[in-house]
């Protein structure tokens, strides 16, 4: 291929010079441009032939660059020209469009019937009632706070999941918080700490990760005094201890150095420009008893605000041990957030995203049954986090054992995210997951905060319609028996328990 390249360049040089001579050099002025272009390509070809990093360029000078150019547009080509409405990943086009339409307040109906294969074994449906009820007019709320909670919080059934300032841009965080204020739902800060952009009126769930950002001592350990100061903020309604994250359980949070600006570094107590790798586990405790005592400590330091923890289920015996510690110490968290292995993140190793952790559906079943077994379910609220985006996904997760749901990527879509899959590169084209000022400028906070509010409002209304269709008036009435598999005669419970719709007749 190299010989062909050089022969082609020599031939083009010769032809150009011939035509320049034939038409006289003064007339054929474009020949100078052609010669200049050929000279550049020749220099590039010589460089490609002798460089040692890329075999493709050594074997295919100049032409090999087209391979890398096309590769840089792979996600766009896949999204706009190859994927259908139902097979996109992580979220298909139909779901993304649903969020966009609801966020903009547009018609969110779908024509001509479902595009899903309802005979697929993974298809799940809601068992509707012939005595369906209309959607209730009152807002559906769930009170979070156990017997020892002094400041219980009335939460919406749909809230913003953990996303840090750093992973998201300042404009994105501001828009989310303002939207949460307008819609009266809470905004999880993520493990990056509380920034000024989180304090624009929306209720907060302050997440404490393994890096203890926002309540971090100089040596990287937990600082009770700094925690007490931040926990006293009126906006902070709940505190969540992050044990693990669905997209990378057993791996600490990752903030690429290119996104660690001086402002973010100051909030977190770090050096700017450095890649931030949070520890995989907490230093403050190392066993179930230590975790429960830490929960109790945070309750006291926060003045009795709801305190819980978030985890992706891995070793089920470890969660059982935590429940045993709750019973033996006669203390328990106010809530537990369950993140599924299908959860999202801005940056994670492929092996962790693809191969670690339990999916949300079986995890919810396991947690609910385990809490029932230890007689703790009435004291602890369960929050589901993991691809909760449509109203049906919320209904499904609540039926499987959750009380409320959190969504991260759903609210990112409401901000204008197009699933460009560039969250870890600082090149997010919509200004959502980047610290590049030129890209952040494109996200208008006043406009996007309204879309966040609209998405929440219309999704919750759709939840009410589904709950009414099943014959209920509140999400708390939903159970696993409200769900069926695709053949309409197998109860969803059969996937996890030996049971059948026929047994209920």
Protein backbone atom coordinates (compact mmCIF):
# COMPACT_ATOMS: atom_id res chain seq x y z
CA UNK A 1 0.00 0.00 0.00
CA UNK A 2 2.92 2.33 0.70
CA UNK A 3 4.33 1.79 -2.80
CA UNK A 4 0.90 2.44 -4.31
CA UNK A 5 0.66 5.67 -2.30
CA UNK A 6 4.03 6.96 -3.47
CA UNK A 7 3.40 5.95 -7.11
CA UNK A 8 0.04 7.75 -6.97
CA UNK A 9 1.60 10.92 -5.56
CA UNK A 10 4.37 10.92 -8.21
CA UNK A 11 1.79 10.40 -10.95
CA UNK A 12 -0.38 13.25 -9.66
CA UNK A 13 2.66 15.53 -9.45
CA UNK A 14 3.57 14.67 -13.03
CA UNK A 15 0.02 15.18 -14.32
CA UNK A 16 -0.30 18.51 -12.53
CA UNK A 17 2.98 19.80 -13.89
CA UNK A 18 2.03 18.60 -17.38
CA UNK A 19 -1.30 20.44 -17.35
CA UNK A 20 0.34 23.55 -15.90
CA UNK A 21 2.84 23.47 -18.81
CA UNK A 22 0.14 22.62 -21.38
CA UNK A 23 -2.11 25.51 -20.35
CA UNK A 24 0.84 27.75 -19.57
CA UNK A 25 1.81 28.35 -15.99
CA UNK A 26 0.11 31.75 -15.81
CA UNK A 27 -3.29 30.35 -16.87
CA UNK A 28 -3.32 27.15 -14.84
CA UNK A 29 -3.04 28.97 -11.47
CA UNK A 30 -4.98 26.23 -9.62
CA UNK A 31 -1.99 23.99 -10.20
CA UNK A 32 -0.09 25.79 -7.42
CA UNK A 33 -2.82 24.85 -4.96
CA UNK A 34 -2.76 21.24 -6.19
CA UNK A 35 1.02 21.08 -5.83
CA UNK A 36 0.82 22.52 -2.31
CA UNK A 37 -1.82 19.93 -1.35
CA UNK A 38 0.22 17.11 -2.85
CA UNK A 39 3.28 18.34 -0.99
CA UNK A 40 1.40 18.25 2.30
CA UNK A 41 0.06 14.74 1.59
CA UNK A 42 3.54 13.57 0.64
CA UNK A 43 5.02 14.91 3.88
CA UNK A 44 2.18 13.31 5.86
CA UNK A 45 2.66 10.02 4.01
CA UNK A 46 6.39 9.98 4.72
CA UNK A 47 5.72 10.69 8.41
CA UNK A 48 3.07 7.94 8.56
CA UNK A 49 5.43 5.44 6.94
CA UNK A 50 8.18 5.93 9.49
CA UNK A 51 6.21 6.55 12.72
CA UNK A 52 6.09 3.54 15.10
CA UNK A 53 2.85 3.93 17.07
CA UNK A 54 0.19 2.93 14.52
CA UNK A 55 0.59 -0.11 12.26
CA UNK A 56 -2.37 0.95 10.12
CA UNK A 57 -0.73 4.28 9.25
CA UNK A 58 2.62 2.60 8.48
CA UNK A 59 0.93 0.20 6.09
CA UNK A 60 -1.65 2.63 4.69
CA UNK A 61 -0.15 6.15 4.73
CA UNK A 62 -2.63 9.04 4.67
CA UNK A 63 -5.57 6.77 3.80
CA UNK A 64 -5.33 5.13 7.24
CA UNK A 65 -6.35 8.42 8.86
CA UNK A 66 -9.89 7.95 7.56
CA UNK A 67 -10.20 4.92 9.83
CA UNK A 68 -9.55 7.05 12.91
CA UNK A 69 -11.80 9.85 11.67
CA UNK A 70 -14.70 7.44 11.19
CA UNK A 71 -13.99 5.81 14.55
CA UNK A 72 -14.32 9.18 16.29
CA UNK A 73 -17.91 9.37 14.99
CA UNK A 74 -18.85 5.79 15.89
CA UNK A 75 -21.40 6.66 18.58
CA UNK A 76 -23.07 9.26 16.35
CA UNK A 77 -23.23 6.87 13.39
CA UNK A 78 -24.64 4.16 15.64
CA UNK A 79 -27.21 6.46 17.21
CA UNK A 80 -28.45 8.32 14.13
CA UNK A 81 -28.16 5.74 11.35
CA UNK A 82 -28.05 2.21 12.76
CA UNK A 83 -30.05 1.77 15.97
CA UNK A 84 -33.81 1.33 15.82
CA UNK A 85 -36.34 2.93 18.17
CA UNK A 86 -36.14 0.01 20.60
CA UNK A 87 -32.61 -1.40 20.58
CA UNK A 88 -30.41 1.54 21.65
CA UNK A 89 -28.22 1.20 24.74
CA UNK A 90 -28.20 2.15 27.56
CA UNK A 91 -31.52 3.88 26.71
CA UNK A 92 -33.35 3.36 23.43
CA UNK A 93 -34.66 6.12 21.21
CA UNK A 94 -38.26 5.71 22.36
CA UNK A 95 -37.34 6.27 26.02
CA UNK A 96 -35.09 9.23 25.23
CA UNK A 97 -37.82 10.79 23.11
CA UNK A 98 -40.34 10.24 25.91
CA UNK A 99 -38.18 12.30 28.29
CA UNK A 100 -37.59 15.04 25.72
CA UNK A 101 -41.31 15.37 25.00
CA UNK A 102 -42.31 15.43 28.66
CA UNK A 103 -39.54 17.90 29.50
CA UNK A 104 -40.73 20.23 26.75
CA UNK A 105 -44.40 19.76 27.66
CA UNK A 106 -45.18 18.23 24.25
CA UNK A 107 -47.49 15.38 23.28
CA UNK A 108 -46.00 12.21 24.81
CA UNK A 109 -48.33 9.67 23.18
CA UNK A 110 -47.18 6.93 20.77
CA UNK A 111 -49.10 5.99 17.57
CA UNK A 112 -50.00 2.61 16.05
CA UNK A 113 -49.29 0.32 19.00
CA UNK A 114 -46.22 -0.96 20.79
CA UNK A 115 -42.91 -1.56 19.02
CA UNK A 116 -41.75 -3.99 21.70
CA UNK A 117 -41.82 -7.77 21.35
CA UNK A 118 -44.44 -8.56 23.98
CA UNK A 119 -43.87 -12.30 23.57
CA UNK A 120 -40.26 -11.97 24.67
CA UNK A 121 -39.53 -13.74 27.95
CA UNK A 122 -38.19 -10.50 29.45
CA UNK A 123 -41.36 -8.53 28.71
CA UNK A 124 -43.07 -7.35 31.92
CA UNK A 125 -46.53 -5.80 32.13
CA UNK A 126 -48.85 -4.31 34.73
CA UNK A 127 -51.95 -6.30 35.64
CA UNK A 128 -54.67 -3.72 35.09
CA UNK A 129 -58.08 -3.87 36.75
CA UNK A 130 -61.46 -3.70 35.04
CA UNK A 131 -62.38 -1.47 37.99
CA UNK A 132 -59.71 1.08 37.16
CA UNK A 133 -59.63 4.41 38.97
CA UNK A 134 -58.74 7.86 37.73
CA UNK A 135 -55.44 9.41 38.79
CA UNK A 136 -55.60 11.03 42.22
CA UNK A 137 -55.30 14.81 42.33
CA UNK A 138 -53.13 14.90 45.46
CA UNK A 139 -49.36 14.63 45.21
CA UNK A 140 -48.11 11.17 46.15
CA UNK A 141 -45.55 11.58 48.95
CA UNK A 142 -43.65 9.17 51.18
CA UNK A 143 -42.37 10.12 54.64
CA UNK A 144 -38.73 9.17 55.25
CA UNK A 145 -37.67 8.92 58.87
CA UNK A 146 -37.77 6.04 61.30
CA UNK A 147 -38.75 5.98 64.99
CA UNK A 148 -35.59 7.84 66.09
CA UNK A 149 -35.71 10.50 63.36
CA UNK A 150 -36.36 14.01 64.72
CA UNK A 151 -36.75 15.71 61.34
CA UNK A 152 -38.61 13.34 58.99
CA UNK A 153 -38.85 14.36 55.35
CA UNK A 154 -41.85 14.05 53.03
CA UNK A 155 -40.35 12.92 49.71
CA UNK A 156 -41.72 12.75 46.20
CA UNK A 157 -41.90 9.27 44.67
CA UNK A 158 -39.47 10.46 41.93
CA UNK A 159 -36.25 12.36 42.62
CA UNK A 160 -32.83 13.23 41.20
CA UNK A 161 -30.22 10.56 41.84
CA UNK A 162 -26.59 11.19 42.84
CA UNK A 163 -24.56 13.27 40.36
CA UNK A 164 -21.66 15.41 41.61
CA UNK A 165 -20.61 18.88 40.59
CA UNK A 166 -17.49 17.93 38.68
CA UNK A 167 -19.11 15.06 36.90
CA UNK A 168 -21.81 17.57 35.87
CA UNK A 169 -21.28 21.20 34.92
CA UNK A 170 -22.20 24.12 37.14
CA UNK A 171 -25.11 25.03 34.84
CA UNK A 172 -26.42 21.46 34.91
CA UNK A 173 -26.33 21.33 38.72
CA UNK A 174 -28.04 24.73 38.98
CA UNK A 175 -30.78 23.70 36.54
CA UNK A 176 -31.39 20.44 38.40
CA UNK A 177 -31.60 22.20 41.76
CA UNK A 178 -33.90 24.94 40.51
CA UNK A 179 -36.08 22.31 38.85
CA UNK A 180 -36.24 20.35 42.11
CA UNK A 181 -37.37 23.51 43.90
CA UNK A 182 -40.14 24.13 41.35
CA UNK A 183 -41.36 20.53 41.50
CA UNK A 184 -40.91 19.96 45.27
CA UNK A 185 -38.66 16.91 45.00
CA UNK A 186 -35.15 16.26 46.26
CA UNK A 187 -31.78 16.53 44.53
CA UNK A 188 -28.99 14.13 45.55
CA UNK A 189 -25.64 15.97 45.59
CA UNK A 190 -23.48 13.00 44.63
CA UNK A 191 -20.28 12.33 46.53
CA UNK A 192 -18.55 15.53 45.32
CA UNK A 193 -19.91 17.65 48.16
CA UNK A 194 -22.28 20.62 48.38
CA UNK A 195 -21.44 23.47 46.00
CA UNK A 196 -23.06 26.88 45.68
CA UNK A 197 -24.91 25.51 42.65
CA UNK A 198 -26.68 23.01 44.92
CA UNK A 199 -27.98 25.82 47.13
CA UNK A 200 -30.51 27.45 44.82
CA UNK A 201 -33.62 26.47 46.75
CA UNK A 202 -34.07 22.77 46.01
CA UNK A 203 -34.20 20.12 48.75
CA UNK A 204 -30.96 18.17 49.06
CA UNK A 205 -29.96 14.65 49.93
CA UNK A 206 -26.29 15.11 50.86
CA UNK A 207 -24.25 12.09 49.84
CA UNK A 208 -21.15 11.20 51.86
CA UNK A 209 -18.77 9.07 49.80
CA UNK A 210 -15.55 7.33 50.67
CA UNK A 211 -13.61 10.55 49.96
CA UNK A 212 -15.69 12.48 52.54
CA UNK A 213 -15.77 15.54 50.27
CA UNK A 214 -17.32 18.44 52.13
CA UNK A 215 -16.56 16.89 55.52
CA UNK A 216 -12.98 15.83 54.85
CA UNK A 217 -10.06 16.25 57.24
CA UNK A 218 -6.61 17.10 55.91
CA UNK A 219 -5.57 13.43 56.10
CA UNK A 220 -8.63 12.32 54.08
CA UNK A 221 -10.64 11.02 57.04
CA UNK A 222 -14.11 12.07 58.24
CA UNK A 223 -14.32 15.45 60.03
CA UNK A 224 -17.35 15.60 62.40
CA UNK A 225 -17.20 19.38 62.81
CA UNK A 226 -17.27 20.05 59.07
CA UNK A 227 -20.11 17.57 58.71
CA UNK A 228 -22.16 19.21 61.48
CA UNK A 229 -21.75 22.61 59.80
CA UNK A 230 -22.92 21.43 56.37
CA UNK A 231 -25.67 19.15 57.72
CA UNK A 232 -27.23 22.14 59.47
CA UNK A 233 -27.97 23.84 56.14
CA UNK A 234 -31.77 24.22 55.73
CA UNK A 235 -31.60 22.75 52.21
CA UNK A 236 -30.13 19.48 53.49
CA UNK A 237 -33.12 17.27 54.23
CA UNK A 238 -31.43 13.82 54.17
CA UNK A 239 -27.93 12.34 54.42
CA UNK A 240 -26.85 9.31 52.38
CA UNK A 241 -23.70 7.27 53.05
CA UNK A 242 -22.43 5.87 49.76
CA UNK A 243 -21.10 2.33 50.23
CA UNK A 244 -21.04 1.42 46.55
CA UNK A 245 -22.38 2.50 43.17
CA UNK A 246 -24.17 0.27 40.70
CA UNK A 247 -22.01 1.11 37.69
CA UNK A 248 -18.76 0.39 39.54
CA UNK A 249 -19.37 -1.37 42.89
CA UNK A 250 -16.15 -2.02 44.79
CA UNK A 251 -14.46 0.82 42.88
CA UNK A 252 -14.23 4.38 44.16
CA UNK A 253 -15.59 7.36 42.29
CA UNK A 254 -13.57 8.69 39.36
CA UNK A 255 -13.16 12.35 38.39
CA UNK A 256 -10.82 12.77 35.39
CA UNK A 257 -8.12 15.37 35.97
CA UNK A 258 -9.32 17.43 33.00
CA UNK A 259 -12.64 17.99 34.84
CA UNK A 260 -11.01 18.76 38.23
CA UNK A 261 -11.02 22.56 37.96
CA UNK A 262 -9.70 24.86 40.72
CA UNK A 263 -13.28 25.56 41.83
CA UNK A 264 -14.12 21.85 42.13
CA UNK A 265 -10.80 21.09 43.82
CA UNK A 266 -11.49 23.76 46.46
CA UNK A 267 -14.93 22.32 47.22
CA UNK A 268 -13.46 18.82 47.60
CA UNK A 269 -10.24 19.85 49.36
CA UNK A 270 -7.96 18.52 46.60
CA UNK A 271 -5.26 19.61 44.18
CA UNK A 272 -6.73 20.92 40.89
CA UNK A 273 -5.97 19.12 37.63
CA UNK A 274 -5.40 15.75 39.28
CA UNK A 275 -7.47 12.67 38.56
CA UNK A 276 -9.54 11.94 41.67
CA UNK A 277 -9.88 8.28 42.63
CA UNK A 278 -11.98 7.90 45.77
CA UNK A 279 -11.08 4.91 47.98
CA UNK A 280 -13.11 1.75 47.28
CA UNK A 281 -14.29 1.56 50.91
CA UNK A 282 -14.80 3.81 53.94
CA UNK A 283 -12.00 4.44 56.45
CA UNK A 284 -14.42 5.30 59.28
CA UNK A 285 -15.77 1.76 59.63
CA UNK A 286 -14.88 -1.73 58.43
CA UNK A 287 -17.72 -3.97 59.67
CA UNK A 288 -21.54 -3.97 60.01
CA UNK A 289 -21.49 -2.69 63.57
CA UNK A 290 -19.22 0.17 62.55
CA UNK A 291 -21.58 1.15 59.74
CA UNK A 292 -24.63 1.25 62.03
CA UNK A 293 -22.71 3.25 64.63
CA UNK A 294 -21.64 5.68 61.91
CA UNK A 295 -25.29 6.06 60.88
CA UNK A 296 -26.18 6.83 64.51
CA UNK A 297 -23.31 9.35 64.73
CA UNK A 298 -24.52 11.20 61.62
CA UNK A 299 -28.07 11.28 62.97
CA UNK A 300 -26.82 12.98 66.12
CA UNK A 301 -24.49 15.38 64.31
CA UNK A 302 -27.25 16.40 61.86
CA UNK A 303 -29.80 17.13 64.57
CA UNK A 304 -31.93 14.10 63.81
CA UNK A 305 -32.27 14.36 60.02
CA UNK A 306 -32.95 11.14 58.06
CA UNK A 307 -29.74 9.18 57.48
CA UNK A 308 -29.38 6.16 55.22
CA UNK A 309 -26.91 4.38 53.01
CA UNK A 310 -26.63 3.47 49.35
CA UNK A 311 -25.22 0.24 47.96
CA UNK A 312 -25.23 -2.16 45.07
CA UNK A 313 -25.89 -5.68 46.33
CA UNK A 314 -22.97 -8.06 45.83
CA UNK A 315 -22.33 -10.53 48.63
CA UNK A 316 -25.84 -11.07 49.98
CA UNK A 317 -24.49 -12.47 53.27
CA UNK A 318 -22.92 -9.08 54.00
CA UNK A 319 -26.28 -7.33 53.78
CA UNK A 320 -27.75 -9.97 56.09
CA UNK A 321 -24.95 -9.22 58.55
CA UNK A 322 -25.81 -5.52 58.40
CA UNK A 323 -29.43 -6.34 59.26
CA UNK A 324 -28.24 -8.49 62.17
CA UNK A 325 -26.19 -5.52 63.42
CA UNK A 326 -29.28 -3.29 63.22
CA UNK A 327 -31.17 -5.71 65.45
CA UNK A 328 -28.34 -6.26 67.94
CA UNK A 329 -27.58 -2.54 68.28
CA UNK A 330 -31.28 -1.61 68.23
CA UNK A 331 -30.59 1.07 65.63
CA UNK A 332 -31.20 1.28 61.92
CA UNK A 333 -30.97 3.75 59.03
CA UNK A 334 -34.02 5.70 57.95
CA UNK A 335 -33.64 4.58 54.35
CA UNK A 336 -31.58 2.31 52.12
CA UNK A 337 -30.91 3.19 48.48
CA UNK A 338 -30.46 0.16 46.23
CA UNK A 339 -28.48 0.81 43.07
CA UNK A 340 -28.60 -1.81 40.34
CA UNK A 341 -25.63 -2.96 38.29
CA UNK A 342 -27.34 -1.29 35.31
CA UNK A 343 -26.80 2.11 36.94
CA UNK A 344 -24.87 4.80 35.11
CA UNK A 345 -21.73 6.81 35.74
CA UNK A 346 -19.54 9.37 34.06
CA UNK A 347 -16.42 7.18 34.20
CA UNK A 348 -15.83 3.54 35.12
CA UNK A 349 -13.63 0.64 34.00
CA UNK A 350 -15.47 -1.55 31.47
CA UNK A 351 -15.08 -4.67 33.63
CA UNK A 352 -16.83 -3.00 36.56
CA UNK A 353 -19.70 -1.58 34.49
CA UNK A 354 -20.29 -4.84 32.63
CA UNK A 355 -19.45 -7.56 35.12
CA UNK A 356 -19.84 -6.53 38.78
CA UNK A 357 -22.94 -6.26 40.93
CA UNK A 358 -26.51 -7.53 41.09
CA UNK A 359 -29.22 -6.06 38.79
CA UNK A 360 -31.83 -3.89 40.46
CA UNK A 361 -34.84 -6.22 40.13
CA UNK A 362 -33.47 -9.20 42.10
CA UNK A 363 -31.64 -6.83 44.46
CA UNK A 364 -34.92 -5.11 45.42
CA UNK A 365 -36.61 -8.45 45.98
CA UNK A 366 -33.74 -9.65 48.16
CA UNK A 367 -33.58 -6.46 50.26
CA UNK A 368 -37.34 -6.34 50.82
CA UNK A 369 -37.53 -10.01 51.85
CA UNK A 370 -34.48 -9.69 54.12
CA UNK A 371 -35.84 -6.61 55.89
CA UNK A 372 -39.15 -8.43 56.36
CA UNK A 373 -37.32 -11.41 57.82
CA UNK A 374 -35.64 -9.23 60.45
CA UNK A 375 -38.86 -7.22 61.08
CA UNK A 376 -37.19 -4.01 59.90
CA UNK A 377 -39.23 -3.19 56.80
CA UNK A 378 -41.66 -0.87 58.61
CA UNK A 379 -38.76 1.17 60.00
CA UNK A 380 -36.74 1.59 56.80
CA UNK A 381 -37.75 3.10 53.46
CA UNK A 382 -36.26 1.62 50.29
CA UNK A 383 -35.16 3.85 47.41
CA UNK A 384 -34.59 2.29 43.98
CA UNK A 385 -31.91 3.76 41.74
CA UNK A 386 -31.07 2.28 38.36
CA UNK A 387 -32.67 3.16 34.98
CA UNK A 388 -35.84 4.49 36.64
CA UNK A 389 -36.94 6.73 33.79
CA UNK A 390 -40.45 5.96 32.56
CA UNK A 391 -43.56 5.86 34.73
CA UNK A 392 -43.78 2.09 34.28
CA UNK A 393 -40.20 1.58 35.49
CA UNK A 394 -41.10 3.53 38.64
CA UNK A 395 -44.27 1.47 39.17
CA UNK A 396 -42.33 -1.75 38.55
CA UNK A 397 -39.59 -0.96 41.06
CA UNK A 398 -42.10 0.10 43.71
CA UNK A 399 -44.06 -3.10 43.12
CA UNK A 400 -40.86 -5.09 43.60
CA UNK A 401 -40.20 -3.52 46.98
CA UNK A 402 -39.15 0.13 46.74
CA UNK A 403 -40.98 3.08 48.30
CA UNK A 404 -39.64 5.76 45.96
CA UNK A 405 -37.29 5.98 42.97
CA UNK A 406 -34.30 8.12 42.00
CA UNK A 407 -33.12 8.77 38.45
CA UNK A 408 -29.86 10.30 37.23
CA UNK A 409 -29.78 9.78 33.47
CA UNK A 410 -33.50 10.50 33.13
CA UNK A 411 -32.97 14.00 34.50
CA UNK A 412 -29.82 14.37 32.38
CA UNK A 413 -32.01 13.76 29.31
CA UNK A 414 -34.40 16.44 30.56
CA UNK A 415 -31.42 18.84 30.55
CA UNK A 416 -30.78 18.02 26.90
CA UNK A 417 -28.34 15.09 27.13
CA UNK A 418 -28.30 13.21 23.81
CA UNK A 419 -26.49 10.06 25.05
CA UNK A 420 -23.33 11.07 23.16
CA UNK A 421 -21.30 8.79 25.48
CA UNK A 422 -18.64 11.45 26.06
CA UNK A 423 -19.17 11.98 29.81
CA UNK A 424 -15.61 10.93 30.65
CA UNK A 425 -13.90 13.10 28.00
CA UNK A 426 -14.95 16.62 29.06
CA UNK A 427 -16.42 17.00 25.56
CA UNK A 428 -20.15 16.61 26.30
CA UNK A 429 -21.75 18.48 23.37
CA UNK A 430 -24.78 19.62 25.37
CA UNK A 431 -22.88 21.17 28.31
CA UNK A 432 -24.28 18.68 30.83
CA UNK A 433 -21.25 16.53 31.73
CA UNK A 434 -18.32 18.85 31.05
CA UNK A 435 -16.28 21.62 32.64
CA UNK A 436 -15.43 23.20 29.27
CA UNK A 437 -16.78 26.79 29.54
CA UNK A 438 -17.45 26.98 25.80
CA UNK A 439 -19.71 23.91 26.00
CA UNK A 440 -21.29 24.76 29.38
CA UNK A 441 -22.39 28.08 27.86
CA UNK A 442 -24.88 26.23 25.65
CA UNK A 443 -26.93 25.06 28.64
CA UNK A 444 -29.34 27.85 29.65
CA UNK A 445 -30.28 27.32 33.30
CA UNK A 446 -33.64 29.11 33.27
CA UNK A 447 -34.87 27.09 30.30
CA UNK A 448 -33.52 23.72 31.44
CA UNK A 449 -34.74 24.05 35.03
CA UNK A 450 -38.27 24.34 33.69
CA UNK A 451 -37.74 21.21 31.62
CA UNK A 452 -36.51 19.34 34.70
CA UNK A 453 -39.70 20.38 36.48
CA UNK A 454 -41.87 19.40 33.51
CA UNK A 455 -40.26 15.97 33.20
CA UNK A 456 -40.87 15.26 36.87
CA UNK A 457 -44.43 16.58 36.82
CA UNK A 458 -45.57 14.66 33.73
CA UNK A 459 -43.81 11.44 34.79
CA UNK A 460 -45.42 11.48 38.24
CA UNK A 461 -48.80 12.12 36.61
CA UNK A 462 -48.23 9.08 34.36
CA UNK A 463 -47.40 7.04 37.49
CA UNK A 464 -50.73 8.07 38.99
CA UNK A 465 -52.50 6.94 35.81
CA UNK A 466 -50.79 3.53 35.93
CA UNK A 467 -51.57 3.12 39.63
CA UNK A 468 -55.20 3.95 38.91
CA UNK A 469 -55.27 1.49 36.00
CA UNK A 470 -54.22 -1.26 38.41
CA UNK A 471 -57.14 -0.39 40.70
CA UNK A 472 -55.08 1.38 43.37
CA UNK A 473 -54.91 4.95 44.62
CA UNK A 474 -51.36 5.06 46.07
CA UNK A 475 -48.05 3.52 45.09
CA UNK A 476 -47.80 1.94 48.56
CA UNK A 477 -50.59 -0.46 47.52
CA UNK A 478 -48.52 -1.95 44.69
CA UNK A 479 -47.02 -5.42 45.14
CA UNK A 480 -45.14 -7.89 42.98
CA UNK A 481 -48.48 -9.56 42.18
CA UNK A 482 -49.44 -6.48 40.13
CA UNK A 483 -46.85 -7.51 37.54
CA UNK A 484 -46.97 -10.30 34.97
CA UNK A 485 -44.62 -11.79 32.43
CA UNK A 486 -45.20 -11.61 28.69
CA UNK A 487 -47.54 -14.57 28.27
CA UNK A 488 -50.09 -12.90 30.62
CA UNK A 489 -50.54 -16.05 32.65
CA UNK A 490 -47.27 -16.10 34.60
CA UNK A 491 -46.99 -13.81 37.59
CA UNK A 492 -43.84 -11.72 37.90
CA UNK A 493 -43.35 -13.31 41.30
CA UNK A 494 -42.64 -16.61 39.55
CA UNK A 495 -39.30 -15.26 38.41
CA UNK A 496 -38.20 -15.25 42.02
CA UNK A 497 -40.76 -17.39 43.87
CA UNK A 498 -42.74 -20.55 42.89
CA UNK A 499 -46.16 -19.01 42.35
CA UNK A 500 -48.75 -18.54 39.61
CA UNK A 501 -51.62 -16.27 38.66
CA UNK A 502 -53.80 -19.38 38.68
CA UNK A 503 -53.22 -19.75 42.42
CA UNK A 504 -54.99 -16.45 43.00
CA UNK A 505 -58.18 -17.53 41.23
